[in-house]
Amino acid sequence: MPEDQLRAGHIPADVYRQIPPGTDVHRVVIVQEAPRSYKGPIVLTLVIAGGAVTVLLVIAYVVQVIAAAAVAVISASGGISYTINRRHK
């Protein structure tokens, strides 16, 4: 951590070579990039997956309601009859 380096007066050798001559090494602080957070992409993936499952469930429910309504209409109208007329020779 930068504050630990400042207290200890420690600078890594590869960075020490890059410091211009005459620089007070006790005033040099090395700032490191924060580690990447994967929280956002994970939450986004879960939201997308949950949304896709929800959409599929809604579609399945709507199809079920339409099928039930069609069966009710067919039953109420007396059913469907289908006849085949064949001519005898």
C-alpha atoms as a PDB file:
ATOM      1  CA  MET A   1       0.000   0.000   0.000  1.00  0.00           C
ATOM      2  CA  PRO A   2       1.275   3.527  -0.708  1.00  0.00           C
ATOM      3  CA  GLU A   3       1.207   4.652   2.938  1.00  0.00           C
ATOM      4  CA  ASP A   4       3.209   1.581   3.984  1.00  0.00           C
ATOM      5  CA  GLN A   5       5.807   2.338   1.329  1.00  0.00           C
ATOM      6  CA  LEU A   6       6.000   5.959   2.430  1.00  0.00           C
ATOM      7  CA  ARG A   7       6.521   4.969   6.076  1.00  0.00           C
ATOM      8  CA  ALA A   8       9.127   2.355   5.223  1.00  0.00           C
ATOM      9  CA  GLY A   9      10.860   4.439   2.579  1.00  0.00           C
ATOM     10  CA  HIS A  10      10.720   1.392   0.302  1.00  0.00           C
ATOM     11  CA  ILE A  11      10.567   1.697  -3.460  1.00  0.00           C
ATOM     12  CA  PRO A  12      10.815  -1.376  -5.730  1.00  0.00           C
ATOM     13  CA  ALA A  13      14.106  -1.568  -7.663  1.00  0.00           C
ATOM     14  CA  ASP A  14      12.528  -1.365 -11.122  1.00  0.00           C
ATOM     15  CA  VAL A  15      10.659   1.811 -10.138  1.00  0.00           C
ATOM     16  CA  TYR A  16      13.703   3.236  -8.346  1.00  0.00           C
ATOM     17  CA  ARG A  17      15.647   3.224 -11.623  1.00  0.00           C
ATOM     18  CA  GLN A  18      12.931   5.358 -13.273  1.00  0.00           C
ATOM     19  CA  ILE A  19      13.052   8.141 -10.660  1.00  0.00           C
ATOM     20  CA  PRO A  20      14.946  11.213 -11.912  1.00  0.00           C
ATOM     21  CA  PRO A  21      18.212  12.044 -10.101  1.00  0.00           C
ATOM     22  CA  GLY A  22      17.859  14.460  -7.191  1.00  0.00           C
ATOM     23  CA  THR A  23      14.335  13.307  -6.260  1.00  0.00           C
ATOM     24  CA  ASP A  24      13.693  12.798  -2.548  1.00  0.00           C
ATOM     25  CA  VAL A  25      12.752   9.119  -2.433  1.00  0.00           C
ATOM     26  CA  HIS A  26      11.025   9.599   0.913  1.00  0.00           C
ATOM     27  CA  ARG A  27       8.422  11.765  -0.800  1.00  0.00           C
ATOM     28  CA  VAL A  28       7.722   9.335  -3.660  1.00  0.00           C
ATOM     29  CA  VAL A  29       4.464   7.411  -3.376  1.00  0.00           C
ATOM     30  CA  ILE A  30       3.621   4.614  -5.756  1.00  0.00           C
ATOM     31  CA  VAL A  31      -0.058   4.503  -6.620  1.00  0.00           C
ATOM     32  CA  GLN A  32      -1.370   1.130  -7.641  1.00  0.00           C
ATOM     33  CA  GLU A  33      -4.510   0.540  -9.656  1.00  0.00           C
ATOM     34  CA  ALA A  34      -7.380  -0.887  -7.645  1.00  0.00           C
ATOM     35  CA  PRO A  35      -8.265  -4.492  -8.397  1.00  0.00           C
ATOM     36  CA  ARG A  36     -11.099  -4.932 -10.872  1.00  0.00           C
ATOM     37  CA  SER A  37     -14.528  -5.505  -9.394  1.00  0.00           C
ATOM     38  CA  TYR A  38     -16.604  -8.231 -11.044  1.00  0.00           C
ATOM     39  CA  LYS A  39     -19.728  -7.361  -9.065  1.00  0.00           C
ATOM     40  CA  GLY A  40     -21.323  -5.300 -11.858  1.00  0.00           C
ATOM     41  CA  PRO A  41     -20.936  -7.837 -14.688  1.00  0.00           C
ATOM     42  CA  ILE A  42     -22.117 -10.687 -12.444  1.00  0.00           C
ATOM     43  CA  VAL A  43     -25.233  -8.775 -11.380  1.00  0.00           C
ATOM     44  CA  LEU A  44     -25.929  -7.796 -14.998  1.00  0.00           C
ATOM     45  CA  THR A  45     -25.656 -11.445 -16.101  1.00  0.00           C
ATOM     46  CA  LEU A  46     -28.035 -12.566 -13.348  1.00  0.00           C
ATOM     47  CA  VAL A  47     -30.552  -9.840 -14.245  1.00  0.00           C
ATOM     48  CA  ILE A  48     -30.459 -10.806 -17.940  1.00  0.00           C
ATOM     49  CA  ALA A  49     -30.865 -14.514 -17.123  1.00  0.00           C
ATOM     50  CA  GLY A  50     -33.725 -13.775 -14.728  1.00  0.00           C
ATOM     51  CA  GLY A  51     -35.415 -11.557 -17.302  1.00  0.00           C
ATOM     52  CA  ALA A  52     -35.137 -14.248 -19.972  1.00  0.00           C
ATOM     53  CA  VAL A  53     -36.663 -16.859 -17.650  1.00  0.00           C
ATOM     54  CA  THR A  54     -39.474 -14.448 -16.752  1.00  0.00           C
ATOM     55  CA  VAL A  55     -40.239 -13.755 -20.422  1.00  0.00           C
ATOM     56  CA  LEU A  56     -40.344 -17.493 -21.196  1.00  0.00           C
ATOM     57  CA  LEU A  57     -42.684 -18.133 -18.255  1.00  0.00           C
ATOM     58  CA  VAL A  58     -45.019 -15.333 -19.365  1.00  0.00           C
ATOM     59  CA  ILE A  59     -45.085 -16.686 -22.929  1.00  0.00           C
ATOM     60  CA  ALA A  60     -45.859 -20.199 -21.639  1.00  0.00           C
ATOM     61  CA  TYR A  61     -48.668 -18.831 -19.459  1.00  0.00           C
ATOM     62  CA  VAL A  62     -50.189 -16.830 -22.328  1.00  0.00           C
ATOM     63  CA  VAL A  63     -50.079 -19.872 -24.627  1.00  0.00           C
ATOM     64  CA  GLN A  64     -51.783 -21.950 -21.923  1.00  0.00           C
ATOM     65  CA  VAL A  65     -54.537 -19.352 -21.472  1.00  0.00           C
ATOM     66  CA  ILE A  66     -55.112 -19.149 -25.236  1.00  0.00           C
ATOM     67  CA  ALA A  67     -55.284 -22.949 -25.512  1.00  0.00           C
ATOM     68  CA  ALA A  68     -57.730 -23.162 -22.591  1.00  0.00           C
ATOM     69  CA  ALA A  69     -59.899 -20.450 -24.141  1.00  0.00           C
ATOM     70  CA  ALA A  70     -59.900 -22.265 -27.487  1.00  0.00           C
ATOM     71  CA  VAL A  71     -60.958 -25.525 -25.823  1.00  0.00           C
ATOM     72  CA  ALA A  72     -63.728 -23.695 -23.948  1.00  0.00           C
ATOM     73  CA  VAL A  73     -65.029 -22.083 -27.140  1.00  0.00           C
ATOM     74  CA  ILE A  74     -64.973 -25.377 -29.015  1.00  0.00           C
ATOM     75  CA  SER A  75     -66.733 -27.180 -26.167  1.00  0.00           C
ATOM     76  CA  ALA A  76     -69.401 -24.462 -25.859  1.00  0.00           C
ATOM     77  CA  SER A  77     -70.142 -24.483 -29.570  1.00  0.00           C
ATOM     78  CA  GLY A  78     -70.899 -28.196 -29.611  1.00  0.00           C
ATOM     79  CA  GLY A  79     -67.558 -29.399 -30.742  1.00  0.00           C
ATOM     80  CA  ILE A  80     -66.102 -29.776 -34.177  1.00  0.00           C
ATOM     81  CA  SER A  81     -67.341 -32.372 -36.572  1.00  0.00           C
ATOM     82  CA  TYR A  82     -65.454 -33.553 -39.565  1.00  0.00           C
ATOM     83  CA  THR A  83     -66.954 -35.817 -42.176  1.00  0.00           C
ATOM     84  CA  ILE A  84     -65.391 -37.544 -45.101  1.00  0.00           C
ATOM     85  CA  ASN A  85     -67.554 -38.028 -48.140  1.00  0.00           C
ATOM     86  CA  ARG A  86     -66.455 -40.948 -50.215  1.00  0.00           C
ATOM     87  CA  ARG A  87     -68.064 -41.846 -53.455  1.00  0.00           C
ATOM     88  CA  HIS A  88     -68.781 -45.500 -54.039  1.00  0.00           C
ATOM     89  CA  LYS A  89     -68.044 -46.889 -57.489  1.00  0.00           C
END
